[in-house]
Structure formats: C-alpha cells, structure tokens
Amino acid sequence: MPDHDGAPSAPDFLTKPTLNGELVLLRPVTVDDVPALWPMFLDAEAMRLTGSHDGEPDEAGIRAWYDSRGDQDDRLDLAVVERATGKVVGEVVLNEWDSGNESCSFRICLVPGTFGQGLGTEATRLIVGYGFERLGLHRISLEVYAFNPRAHRVYTKVGFVPEGVQRDALLWEGERVDAVTMSVLAPEWSRHRGRP
C-alpha cells in the first residue's frame, strides 16, 4: 500500500479494532484490564515461556504501560476476552513495525489456567488475519523458545512456518535455550486464512 511517493505507507495501528471470533473477542486493552492480566506477571511458567527476566513486576509501571496503549501508532495491543465468561484472559500484540519491509512481529500471552481451550489459536488467527487483511502487512514473524512446544504447535496450526533456529538465544536458570523464528506471509495467508 504505497503512499504518493511510492514508499509503503504505515499501517493504521492507531485505530484499535474489536475482532469477534467464536471463542474470543479481541478489543483494545486498557489500564482497567491490569487486574485480570496481573496473574501473567506473577506466573513463573509464563515468565519462563516468554523468556522474561524482569523479576518482580512493577504494578505502577505496568498500569502506566497499559494506560498508554490506546495512543500508540506503531503497534497494536489487544485484550483477549473469553466470550463464554466475558473475562480478559490475555493479550495479543503486533509490534516492531518495519516500514521498509512491510512487516512486524507478533506475540501472545494468556493468563494461567486458560491453555488448551483453543482461545490462543483463535486469538492468533484473528489478529494475524487483521494484520494481513486490514493493515496490508506482508510478513508477520515471531520467536518461540524450544521449551514451548505447545505454542509452536499453535503457531504451526495457524500457518506460521519455521525459518531458522537462533542457537542459545536465551539463558534461563543456567540453561541455554534455542529460539525458533517463524513467519507467515501475506500470499500464504490469502490461500489458507490461518488454516493450512
């Protein structure tokens, strides 16, 4: 989607959509979601799977972060709401926009106790589809650590393809862990719509 100079124009990350699925609804994340998301920041397993070395969470800093998400024009942060309960169960993010290559990164994190229900798979399909179909992205990529096979399966199910291994990318409690880089491209998405 070139602008009048022929250069790619930035996607509209400032518009924060609401995306409806069968299991989840994605909507703009706000500071009011912090209590529901807080267990993510306290869960040792969530910290391990995301490679987060941040230590004790800073509630004031986290609240300030979520309070500013609506003003961001270079990324999209959405809350994952379980439709059956109306509860916020996580977040999905498109970030690290690379204008020259019309690409960005993707990440997802769910609160403990919500895995294995298809919520993450549907949330991933919804935001990745939005990235390609509405924002006009060409490539969406992610990194997943070798000790997170569950996430790797979800990403593969949605159409992400392994590209390579970053050896010893994470040092976690004395163990060096590889990270797999995966991506999905717009032409692939147009063929399978997240169901390869």
Protein backbone atom coordinates (compact mmCIF):
# COMPACT_ATOMS: atom_id res chain seq x y z
CA MET A 1 0.00 0.00 0.00
CA PRO A 2 2.32 2.76 -1.28
CA ASP A 3 1.79 6.40 -0.47
CA HIS A 4 2.04 9.21 -3.05
CA ASP A 5 5.87 8.98 -3.09
CA GLY A 6 5.74 5.26 -3.92
CA ALA A 7 7.03 4.28 -0.45
CA PRO A 8 4.98 1.89 1.66
CA SER A 9 2.62 3.77 3.95
CA ALA A 10 2.46 2.80 7.59
CA PRO A 11 -0.47 0.64 8.62
CA ASP A 12 -3.11 2.24 10.80
CA PHE A 13 -2.05 0.99 14.21
CA LEU A 14 -3.76 3.95 15.87
CA THR A 15 -7.20 2.52 15.11
CA LYS A 16 -7.79 -0.13 17.77
CA PRO A 17 -10.34 -2.61 16.42
CA THR A 18 -12.66 -5.09 18.07
CA LEU A 19 -12.37 -8.50 16.41
CA ASN A 20 -15.02 -11.18 17.00
CA GLY A 21 -14.43 -14.91 16.99
CA GLU A 22 -16.46 -17.86 18.24
CA LEU A 23 -14.43 -18.35 21.45
CA VAL A 24 -12.80 -14.97 21.95
CA LEU A 25 -13.26 -11.31 21.28
CA LEU A 26 -10.24 -9.08 20.82
CA ARG A 27 -10.66 -5.46 21.87
CA PRO A 28 -8.41 -2.54 22.81
CA VAL A 29 -6.54 -3.26 26.02
CA THR A 30 -6.81 -0.64 28.79
CA VAL A 31 -5.49 0.03 32.25
CA ASP A 32 -8.74 -1.44 33.60
CA ASP A 33 -7.56 -4.84 32.32
CA VAL A 34 -4.49 -4.90 34.57
CA PRO A 35 -6.19 -6.81 37.43
CA ALA A 36 -7.25 -9.57 35.02
CA LEU A 37 -3.81 -9.67 33.34
CA TRP A 38 -1.84 -9.44 36.60
CA PRO A 39 -1.54 -13.24 37.03
CA MET A 40 0.56 -13.32 33.82
CA PHE A 41 3.18 -11.18 35.53
CA LEU A 42 3.24 -13.36 38.65
CA ASP A 43 3.30 -16.77 36.97
CA ALA A 44 6.74 -18.39 36.89
CA GLU A 45 5.83 -20.57 33.91
CA ALA A 46 4.57 -17.59 31.87
CA MET A 47 7.82 -15.77 32.62
CA ARG A 48 9.85 -18.81 31.53
CA LEU A 49 7.92 -19.36 28.30
CA THR A 50 8.30 -15.70 27.33
CA GLY A 51 11.93 -15.52 28.48
CA SER A 52 11.16 -12.59 30.77
CA HIS A 53 13.96 -11.79 33.21
CA ASP A 54 12.17 -8.76 34.64
CA GLY A 55 11.96 -10.01 38.24
CA GLU A 56 9.23 -8.67 40.50
CA PRO A 57 6.57 -6.84 38.48
CA ASP A 58 6.21 -3.10 39.00
CA GLU A 59 2.46 -2.52 39.26
CA ALA A 60 2.68 1.25 38.77
CA GLY A 61 4.85 0.79 35.68
CA ILE A 62 2.56 -1.89 34.28
CA ARG A 63 -0.51 0.28 34.87
CA ALA A 64 1.19 3.23 33.11
CA TRP A 65 2.13 0.94 30.20
CA TYR A 66 -1.43 -0.30 29.66
CA ASP A 67 -2.84 3.19 30.15
CA SER A 68 -0.78 4.36 27.14
CA ARG A 69 -1.65 1.55 24.68
CA GLY A 70 -4.51 3.45 23.04
CA ASP A 71 -2.15 6.25 21.97
CA GLN A 72 0.36 4.01 20.17
CA ASP A 73 0.55 4.42 16.39
CA ASP A 74 3.40 1.95 15.84
CA ARG A 75 1.89 -1.17 17.44
CA LEU A 76 -1.42 -2.83 18.23
CA ASP A 77 -2.17 -4.21 21.70
CA LEU A 78 -5.49 -6.01 22.16
CA ALA A 79 -7.04 -7.78 25.12
CA VAL A 80 -8.22 -11.37 24.63
CA VAL A 81 -11.70 -11.75 26.13
CA GLU A 82 -13.22 -15.21 26.57
CA ARG A 83 -16.71 -14.90 25.12
CA ALA A 84 -18.26 -17.58 27.38
CA THR A 85 -17.29 -15.75 30.58
CA GLY A 86 -16.59 -12.16 29.49
CA LYS A 87 -13.24 -12.37 31.30
CA VAL A 88 -10.00 -10.93 29.98
CA VAL A 89 -7.69 -13.94 29.61
CA GLY A 90 -4.64 -12.45 27.88
CA GLU A 91 -3.30 -10.12 25.25
CA VAL A 92 -2.12 -10.20 21.64
CA VAL A 93 0.31 -7.72 20.12
CA LEU A 94 1.53 -6.68 16.68
CA ASN A 95 4.73 -4.69 17.24
CA GLU A 96 8.23 -3.94 15.93
CA TRP A 97 6.81 -2.44 12.71
CA ASP A 98 9.43 -2.47 9.92
CA SER A 99 8.19 0.08 7.38
CA GLY A 100 10.78 -0.68 4.71
CA ASN A 101 9.74 -4.31 4.61
CA GLU A 102 6.03 -4.01 5.50
CA SER A 103 6.44 -6.48 8.34
CA CYS A 104 6.01 -6.71 12.06
CA SER A 105 6.29 -9.11 14.97
CA PHE A 106 3.55 -10.92 16.83
CA ARG A 107 3.27 -12.09 20.41
CA ILE A 108 0.57 -13.52 22.65
CA CYS A 109 0.36 -14.25 26.36
CA LEU A 110 -2.55 -15.84 28.20
CA VAL A 111 -3.20 -15.91 31.92
CA PRO A 112 -2.52 -19.21 33.70
CA GLY A 113 -5.32 -21.76 33.57
CA THR A 114 -6.63 -20.77 30.13
CA PHE A 115 -4.46 -23.01 27.94
CA GLY A 116 -5.71 -25.94 25.89
CA GLN A 117 -9.14 -24.50 25.12
CA GLY A 118 -8.43 -23.06 21.68
CA LEU A 119 -8.50 -19.48 22.92
CA GLY A 120 -4.92 -18.73 21.90
CA THR A 121 -5.32 -20.35 18.49
CA GLU A 122 -8.40 -18.30 17.68
CA ALA A 123 -6.89 -15.08 19.07
CA THR A 124 -3.80 -15.64 16.91
CA ARG A 125 -5.90 -16.23 13.79
CA LEU A 126 -7.95 -13.10 14.44
CA ILE A 127 -5.07 -10.66 14.91
CA VAL A 128 -2.86 -12.16 12.19
CA GLY A 129 -5.80 -12.05 9.78
CA TYR A 130 -6.36 -8.41 10.71
CA GLY A 131 -2.68 -7.70 10.08
CA PHE A 132 -2.84 -9.05 6.55
CA GLU A 133 -6.40 -8.31 5.51
CA ARG A 134 -6.89 -4.87 7.06
CA LEU A 135 -3.42 -3.45 7.74
CA GLY A 136 -1.86 -4.68 4.50
CA LEU A 137 1.19 -6.30 6.09
CA HIS A 138 3.40 -8.60 4.02
CA ARG A 139 5.13 -10.60 6.77
CA ILE A 140 4.37 -11.33 10.42
CA SER A 141 7.04 -13.09 12.45
CA LEU A 142 7.61 -14.41 15.95
CA GLU A 143 10.13 -16.25 18.07
CA VAL A 144 9.26 -19.27 20.20
CA TYR A 145 11.62 -20.94 22.63
CA ALA A 146 12.46 -24.62 22.22
CA PHE A 147 10.93 -25.43 25.61
CA ASN A 148 7.49 -24.21 24.46
CA PRO A 149 6.21 -26.95 22.10
CA ARG A 150 2.57 -26.09 22.86
CA ALA A 151 2.99 -22.59 21.40
CA HIS A 152 4.97 -23.97 18.46
CA ARG A 153 2.02 -26.28 17.63
CA VAL A 154 -0.45 -23.38 17.81
CA TYR A 155 1.66 -21.20 15.52
CA THR A 156 2.07 -24.05 13.02
CA LYS A 157 -1.69 -24.72 13.09
CA VAL A 158 -2.33 -21.06 12.21
CA GLY A 159 0.17 -21.10 9.32
CA PHE A 160 3.47 -19.87 10.72
CA VAL A 161 6.43 -21.59 9.07
CA PRO A 162 9.77 -22.22 10.84
CA GLU A 163 12.56 -20.17 9.25
CA GLY A 164 15.53 -20.95 11.42
CA VAL A 165 16.95 -21.50 14.86
CA GLN A 166 18.67 -18.88 16.95
CA ARG A 167 21.03 -21.07 18.93
CA ASP A 168 21.38 -20.41 22.66
CA ALA A 169 19.20 -17.30 22.34
CA LEU A 170 18.05 -17.39 25.96
CA LEU A 171 19.92 -18.10 29.17
CA TRP A 172 17.32 -19.38 31.63
CA GLU A 173 18.36 -20.54 35.09
CA GLY A 174 21.76 -21.68 33.84
CA GLU A 175 20.43 -23.42 30.72
CA ARG A 176 20.89 -22.04 27.22
CA VAL A 177 17.76 -22.40 25.10
CA ASP A 178 17.28 -22.10 21.34
CA ALA A 179 14.61 -19.88 19.80
CA VAL A 180 12.82 -20.80 16.58
CA THR A 181 11.97 -17.92 14.25
CA MET A 182 8.67 -18.43 12.44
CA SER A 183 6.72 -16.30 9.99
CA VAL A 184 3.67 -16.22 7.79
CA LEU A 185 3.48 -14.21 4.56
CA ALA A 186 0.54 -12.41 3.00
CA PRO A 187 0.34 -14.71 -0.07
CA GLU A 188 0.28 -17.76 2.21
CA TRP A 189 -2.42 -16.21 4.38
CA SER A 190 -4.55 -15.37 1.34
CA ARG A 191 -4.50 -19.10 0.44
CA HIS A 192 -5.23 -20.64 3.83
CA ARG A 193 -6.64 -17.86 6.08
CA GLY A 194 -4.95 -19.39 9.12
CA ARG A 195 -5.98 -22.97 8.37
CA PRO A 196 -3.16 -24.50 6.27
